[in-house]
Every structure is written in structure tokens, then in C-alpha cells.
Amino acid sequence: MFPTPRLLHAARVTLFTRAGCGLCDTAKNTVAQLQKRRRFDYSEVDIMVPGNKEWRDVYEFDVPVLHVQSAKKTGDLSDPKKLFHRFTEKEVETLVDDAEKAH
């Protein structure tokens, strides 16, 4: 069995969030719903964790923020496409599609 191109070039999705943020909870649910249908590399970054100060400095008043990137053939990440605050499952899926096609 060979992996499909979509699995080889799965998008990388990062949600910048913080505890106690209602919009962040909604964003997590939106991403989770899409993950039930689509495979992509997903991670969350709590901007309030001391080791994430660089992200807190950038997004302290903007969470949730979603980055969608493609991994280029060299392993470097592309510049992320971003969604802020409120976004739909369809908007995330469109960015994931675009990231996968960037190869």
C-alpha cells in the first residue's frame, strides 16, 4: 500500500489559544469537526505558557488565531495563511486544500 499524495503533503495547522477563552473553545471544536473528515498535522499553542512568550507578544489580544501551512519538499514551512477569532469549518478546509496544493 502506498500513501496518497494528500497524506504525504498534509497541511500543518496550528491553533494559538489560551485557557478560559470561549472563542478558542469554539475554534478547537471547528478544527476537530474538520479533522473527523480530513487528515492534517494539528497542534495547539497556549500563548500564556511561559515558554511561548514570543507568541503571547504577537497574539495576546487576538486569540484564537489559526495558522495553516504547507511543508515544502525541503521540510521548511511555508508562510502561514491565518484566520482570526471566528472562522468556519469551510474556511479552514479551503486553507488546508490550498496548503496541500502548494507542492
N, C-alpha and C. Protein backbone atom coordinates (compact mmCIF):
# COMPACT_ATOMS: atom_id res chain seq x y z
N MET A 1 0.85 -1.18 0.00
CA MET A 1 0.00 0.00 0.00
C MET A 1 0.89 1.24 0.00
N PHE A 2 0.59 2.19 -0.86
CA PHE A 2 1.36 3.41 -0.97
C PHE A 2 0.54 4.58 -0.42
N PRO A 3 1.18 5.51 0.30
CA PRO A 3 0.44 6.67 0.79
C PRO A 3 0.01 7.56 -0.36
N THR A 4 -1.13 8.16 -0.22
CA THR A 4 -1.61 9.08 -1.24
C THR A 4 -0.85 10.39 -1.15
N PRO A 5 -0.83 11.17 -2.22
CA PRO A 5 -0.14 12.47 -2.16
C PRO A 5 -0.69 13.35 -1.04
N ARG A 6 -1.98 13.28 -0.76
CA ARG A 6 -2.56 14.11 0.29
C ARG A 6 -1.93 13.79 1.64
N LEU A 7 -1.65 12.50 1.91
CA LEU A 7 -1.04 12.13 3.17
C LEU A 7 0.43 12.54 3.22
N LEU A 8 1.10 12.48 2.08
CA LEU A 8 2.50 12.89 2.04
C LEU A 8 2.66 14.40 2.23
N HIS A 9 1.68 15.16 1.82
CA HIS A 9 1.77 16.62 1.86
C HIS A 9 0.68 17.22 2.74
N ALA A 10 0.37 16.55 3.83
CA ALA A 10 -0.68 17.05 4.71
C ALA A 10 -0.32 18.44 5.21
N ALA A 11 -1.32 19.26 5.32
CA ALA A 11 -1.13 20.61 5.82
C ALA A 11 -0.79 20.58 7.31
N ARG A 12 -0.11 21.61 7.75
CA ARG A 12 0.17 21.79 9.17
C ARG A 12 -0.72 22.91 9.68
N VAL A 13 -1.50 22.59 10.69
CA VAL A 13 -2.47 23.54 11.25
C VAL A 13 -2.09 23.77 12.71
N THR A 14 -1.93 25.03 13.09
CA THR A 14 -1.58 25.39 14.46
C THR A 14 -2.60 26.38 14.97
N LEU A 15 -3.18 26.07 16.13
CA LEU A 15 -4.14 26.97 16.77
C LEU A 15 -3.46 27.63 17.97
N PHE A 16 -3.40 28.94 17.94
CA PHE A 16 -2.88 29.71 19.07
C PHE A 16 -4.05 30.08 19.95
N THR A 17 -3.96 29.71 21.22
CA THR A 17 -5.09 29.75 22.11
C THR A 17 -4.65 30.12 23.53
N ARG A 18 -5.61 30.20 24.43
CA ARG A 18 -5.33 30.37 25.86
C ARG A 18 -6.48 29.77 26.65
N ALA A 19 -6.22 29.39 27.87
CA ALA A 19 -7.25 28.82 28.74
C ALA A 19 -8.31 29.88 29.06
N GLY A 20 -9.55 29.43 29.21
CA GLY A 20 -10.63 30.34 29.60
C GLY A 20 -11.14 31.22 28.48
N CYS A 21 -10.82 30.90 27.25
CA CYS A 21 -11.21 31.70 26.09
C CYS A 21 -12.35 30.98 25.36
N GLY A 22 -13.54 31.54 25.42
CA GLY A 22 -14.70 30.93 24.77
C GLY A 22 -14.55 30.82 23.26
N LEU A 23 -14.02 31.86 22.63
CA LEU A 23 -13.79 31.81 21.19
C LEU A 23 -12.78 30.71 20.83
N CYS A 24 -11.80 30.51 21.71
CA CYS A 24 -10.81 29.45 21.49
C CYS A 24 -11.47 28.07 21.55
N ASP A 25 -12.38 27.89 22.49
CA ASP A 25 -13.10 26.61 22.58
C ASP A 25 -13.90 26.35 21.32
N THR A 26 -14.55 27.38 20.80
CA THR A 26 -15.30 27.24 19.56
C THR A 26 -14.37 26.90 18.40
N ALA A 27 -13.22 27.56 18.34
CA ALA A 27 -12.25 27.30 17.28
C ALA A 27 -11.74 25.86 17.35
N LYS A 28 -11.46 25.38 18.56
CA LYS A 28 -10.99 23.99 18.73
C LYS A 28 -12.04 23.02 18.21
N ASN A 29 -13.30 23.29 18.50
CA ASN A 29 -14.39 22.43 18.04
C ASN A 29 -14.48 22.45 16.51
N THR A 30 -14.33 23.62 15.91
CA THR A 30 -14.37 23.74 14.45
C THR A 30 -13.28 22.89 13.81
N VAL A 31 -12.07 22.98 14.34
CA VAL A 31 -10.96 22.21 13.80
C VAL A 31 -11.19 20.71 14.02
N ALA A 32 -11.70 20.35 15.19
CA ALA A 32 -11.96 18.94 15.50
C ALA A 32 -12.98 18.34 14.53
N GLN A 33 -14.00 19.11 14.18
CA GLN A 33 -15.01 18.62 13.24
C GLN A 33 -14.38 18.35 11.87
N LEU A 34 -13.51 19.24 11.43
CA LEU A 34 -12.84 19.04 10.14
C LEU A 34 -11.91 17.83 10.21
N GLN A 35 -11.24 17.64 11.34
CA GLN A 35 -10.31 16.52 11.47
C GLN A 35 -11.02 15.17 11.41
N LYS A 36 -12.29 15.15 11.66
CA LYS A 36 -13.04 13.90 11.52
C LYS A 36 -13.14 13.48 10.06
N ARG A 37 -13.02 14.45 9.14
CA ARG A 37 -13.16 14.18 7.71
C ARG A 37 -11.84 14.26 6.94
N ARG A 38 -10.90 15.01 7.47
CA ARG A 38 -9.65 15.30 6.75
C ARG A 38 -8.45 15.04 7.64
N ARG A 39 -7.39 14.57 7.04
CA ARG A 39 -6.16 14.36 7.79
C ARG A 39 -5.24 15.57 7.60
N PHE A 40 -4.73 16.10 8.70
CA PHE A 40 -3.71 17.13 8.66
C PHE A 40 -2.99 17.13 10.00
N ASP A 41 -1.81 17.68 10.00
CA ASP A 41 -0.97 17.76 11.20
C ASP A 41 -1.49 18.93 12.03
N TYR A 42 -1.93 18.65 13.26
CA TYR A 42 -2.56 19.68 14.10
C TYR A 42 -1.83 19.82 15.42
N SER A 43 -1.65 21.06 15.85
CA SER A 43 -1.10 21.32 17.18
C SER A 43 -1.73 22.59 17.74
N GLU A 44 -1.69 22.69 19.05
CA GLU A 44 -2.19 23.87 19.75
C GLU A 44 -1.04 24.50 20.52
N VAL A 45 -1.03 25.82 20.56
CA VAL A 45 -0.03 26.56 21.32
C VAL A 45 -0.78 27.47 22.29
N ASP A 46 -0.62 27.20 23.58
CA ASP A 46 -1.19 28.06 24.61
C ASP A 46 -0.22 29.23 24.78
N ILE A 47 -0.64 30.40 24.36
CA ILE A 47 0.25 31.56 24.37
C ILE A 47 0.61 32.03 25.77
N MET A 48 -0.10 31.56 26.79
CA MET A 48 0.16 32.01 28.15
C MET A 48 1.20 31.14 28.87
N VAL A 49 1.60 30.03 28.27
CA VAL A 49 2.65 29.20 28.85
C VAL A 49 3.96 29.99 28.78
N PRO A 50 4.73 30.03 29.88
CA PRO A 50 5.94 30.86 29.89
C PRO A 50 6.88 30.64 28.70
N GLY A 51 7.01 29.44 28.21
CA GLY A 51 7.89 29.18 27.08
C GLY A 51 7.38 29.71 25.75
N ASN A 52 6.15 30.21 25.72
CA ASN A 52 5.55 30.72 24.48
C ASN A 52 5.42 32.24 24.46
N LYS A 53 6.31 32.91 25.19
CA LYS A 53 6.24 34.37 25.29
C LYS A 53 6.28 35.05 23.93
N GLU A 54 7.07 34.51 23.01
CA GLU A 54 7.15 35.14 21.68
C GLU A 54 5.78 35.19 21.01
N TRP A 55 4.98 34.12 21.18
CA TRP A 55 3.64 34.09 20.59
C TRP A 55 2.68 34.95 21.39
N ARG A 56 2.85 35.01 22.70
CA ARG A 56 1.99 35.90 23.52
C ARG A 56 2.20 37.35 23.09
N ASP A 57 3.45 37.73 22.84
CA ASP A 57 3.75 39.09 22.41
C ASP A 57 3.05 39.43 21.09
N VAL A 58 2.89 38.45 20.23
CA VAL A 58 2.27 38.67 18.92
C VAL A 58 0.74 38.61 19.00
N TYR A 59 0.21 37.61 19.73
CA TYR A 59 -1.23 37.31 19.65
C TYR A 59 -2.01 37.50 20.95
N GLU A 60 -1.44 38.18 21.94
CA GLU A 60 -2.11 38.28 23.24
C GLU A 60 -3.55 38.75 23.15
N PHE A 61 -3.84 39.67 22.28
CA PHE A 61 -5.20 40.23 22.19
C PHE A 61 -5.96 39.72 20.96
N ASP A 62 -5.43 38.71 20.29
CA ASP A 62 -6.04 38.24 19.05
C ASP A 62 -6.51 36.80 19.06
N VAL A 63 -6.22 36.02 20.10
CA VAL A 63 -6.60 34.60 20.07
C VAL A 63 -8.12 34.45 20.00
N PRO A 64 -8.56 33.39 19.34
CA PRO A 64 -7.78 32.36 18.68
C PRO A 64 -7.28 32.81 17.31
N VAL A 65 -6.10 32.31 16.98
CA VAL A 65 -5.51 32.53 15.66
C VAL A 65 -5.12 31.16 15.11
N LEU A 66 -5.48 30.91 13.87
CA LEU A 66 -5.17 29.64 13.23
C LEU A 66 -4.16 29.89 12.11
N HIS A 67 -3.05 29.14 12.15
CA HIS A 67 -2.06 29.15 11.06
C HIS A 67 -2.24 27.88 10.25
N VAL A 68 -2.28 28.00 8.94
CA VAL A 68 -2.30 26.83 8.06
C VAL A 68 -1.13 26.98 7.11
N GLN A 69 -0.26 25.93 7.11
CA GLN A 69 0.96 25.97 6.32
C GLN A 69 1.14 24.67 5.56
N SER A 70 1.96 24.74 4.53
CA SER A 70 2.38 23.51 3.86
C SER A 70 3.86 23.31 4.15
N ALA A 71 4.25 22.05 4.23
CA ALA A 71 5.67 21.73 4.38
C ALA A 71 6.23 21.58 2.98
N LYS A 72 7.17 22.40 2.65
CA LYS A 72 7.78 22.31 1.32
C LYS A 72 8.65 21.08 1.26
N LYS A 73 9.03 20.69 0.09
CA LYS A 73 9.80 19.46 -0.08
C LYS A 73 11.07 19.45 0.75
N THR A 74 11.65 20.60 1.04
CA THR A 74 12.86 20.65 1.85
C THR A 74 12.56 20.50 3.33
N GLY A 75 11.28 20.47 3.71
CA GLY A 75 10.91 20.35 5.10
C GLY A 75 10.64 21.70 5.75
N ASP A 76 10.96 22.78 5.03
CA ASP A 76 10.68 24.11 5.57
C ASP A 76 9.19 24.38 5.49
N LEU A 77 8.70 25.14 6.42
CA LEU A 77 7.28 25.50 6.39
C LEU A 77 7.09 26.74 5.54
N SER A 78 5.97 26.77 4.83
CA SER A 78 5.62 27.94 4.06
C SER A 78 5.13 29.03 5.01
N ASP A 79 5.04 30.24 4.50
CA ASP A 79 4.42 31.31 5.29
C ASP A 79 2.98 30.92 5.56
N PRO A 80 2.54 31.07 6.80
CA PRO A 80 1.19 30.60 7.12
C PRO A 80 0.11 31.52 6.58
N LYS A 81 -1.00 30.90 6.20
CA LYS A 81 -2.24 31.63 5.97
C LYS A 81 -2.91 31.68 7.33
N LYS A 82 -3.57 32.77 7.66
CA LYS A 82 -4.08 32.95 9.01
C LYS A 82 -5.57 33.23 9.01
N LEU A 83 -6.22 32.71 10.04
CA LEU A 83 -7.62 33.04 10.33
C LEU A 83 -7.66 33.54 11.77
N PHE A 84 -8.43 34.59 12.00
CA PHE A 84 -8.51 35.20 13.32
C PHE A 84 -9.93 35.09 13.89
N HIS A 85 -10.00 34.88 15.20
CA HIS A 85 -11.20 34.97 16.03
C HIS A 85 -12.29 33.97 15.67
N ARG A 86 -13.11 34.28 14.70
CA ARG A 86 -14.22 33.40 14.32
C ARG A 86 -14.00 32.92 12.89
N PHE A 87 -14.07 31.61 12.70
CA PHE A 87 -13.93 31.06 11.36
C PHE A 87 -14.73 29.78 11.27
N THR A 88 -15.09 29.47 10.04
CA THR A 88 -15.94 28.29 9.81
C THR A 88 -15.08 27.09 9.41
N GLU A 89 -15.69 25.93 9.51
CA GLU A 89 -15.03 24.70 9.08
C GLU A 89 -14.65 24.79 7.60
N LYS A 90 -15.52 25.37 6.79
CA LYS A 90 -15.27 25.51 5.36
C LYS A 90 -14.07 26.42 5.10
N GLU A 91 -13.93 27.50 5.85
CA GLU A 91 -12.79 28.39 5.68
C GLU A 91 -11.48 27.67 6.00
N VAL A 92 -11.48 26.87 7.06
CA VAL A 92 -10.29 26.10 7.42
C VAL A 92 -9.99 25.08 6.34
N GLU A 93 -11.01 24.39 5.87
CA GLU A 93 -10.82 23.37 4.84
C GLU A 93 -10.24 23.99 3.56
N THR A 94 -10.69 25.15 3.18
CA THR A 94 -10.17 25.82 1.99
C THR A 94 -8.68 26.10 2.14
N LEU A 95 -8.25 26.58 3.31
CA LEU A 95 -6.83 26.84 3.53
C LEU A 95 -6.02 25.55 3.56
N VAL A 96 -6.58 24.48 4.12
CA VAL A 96 -5.90 23.19 4.13
C VAL A 96 -5.73 22.70 2.69
N ASP A 97 -6.79 22.81 1.88
CA ASP A 97 -6.70 22.43 0.46
C ASP A 97 -5.59 23.22 -0.25
N ASP A 98 -5.57 24.52 -0.02
CA ASP A 98 -4.56 25.38 -0.66
C ASP A 98 -3.15 24.97 -0.24
N ALA A 99 -2.97 24.67 1.04
CA ALA A 99 -1.64 24.28 1.54
C ALA A 99 -1.20 22.96 0.93
N GLU A 100 -2.13 22.03 0.77
CA GLU A 100 -1.77 20.74 0.18
C GLU A 100 -1.44 20.87 -1.30
N LYS A 101 -2.06 21.81 -1.98
CA LYS A 101 -1.82 22.00 -3.41
C LYS A 101 -0.53 22.79 -3.66
N ALA A 102 0.04 23.37 -2.63
CA ALA A 102 1.23 24.23 -2.78
C ALA A 102 2.47 23.43 -3.16
N HIS A 103 2.36 22.13 -3.24
CA HIS A 103 3.53 21.30 -3.59
C HIS A 103 3.60 21.20 -5.08
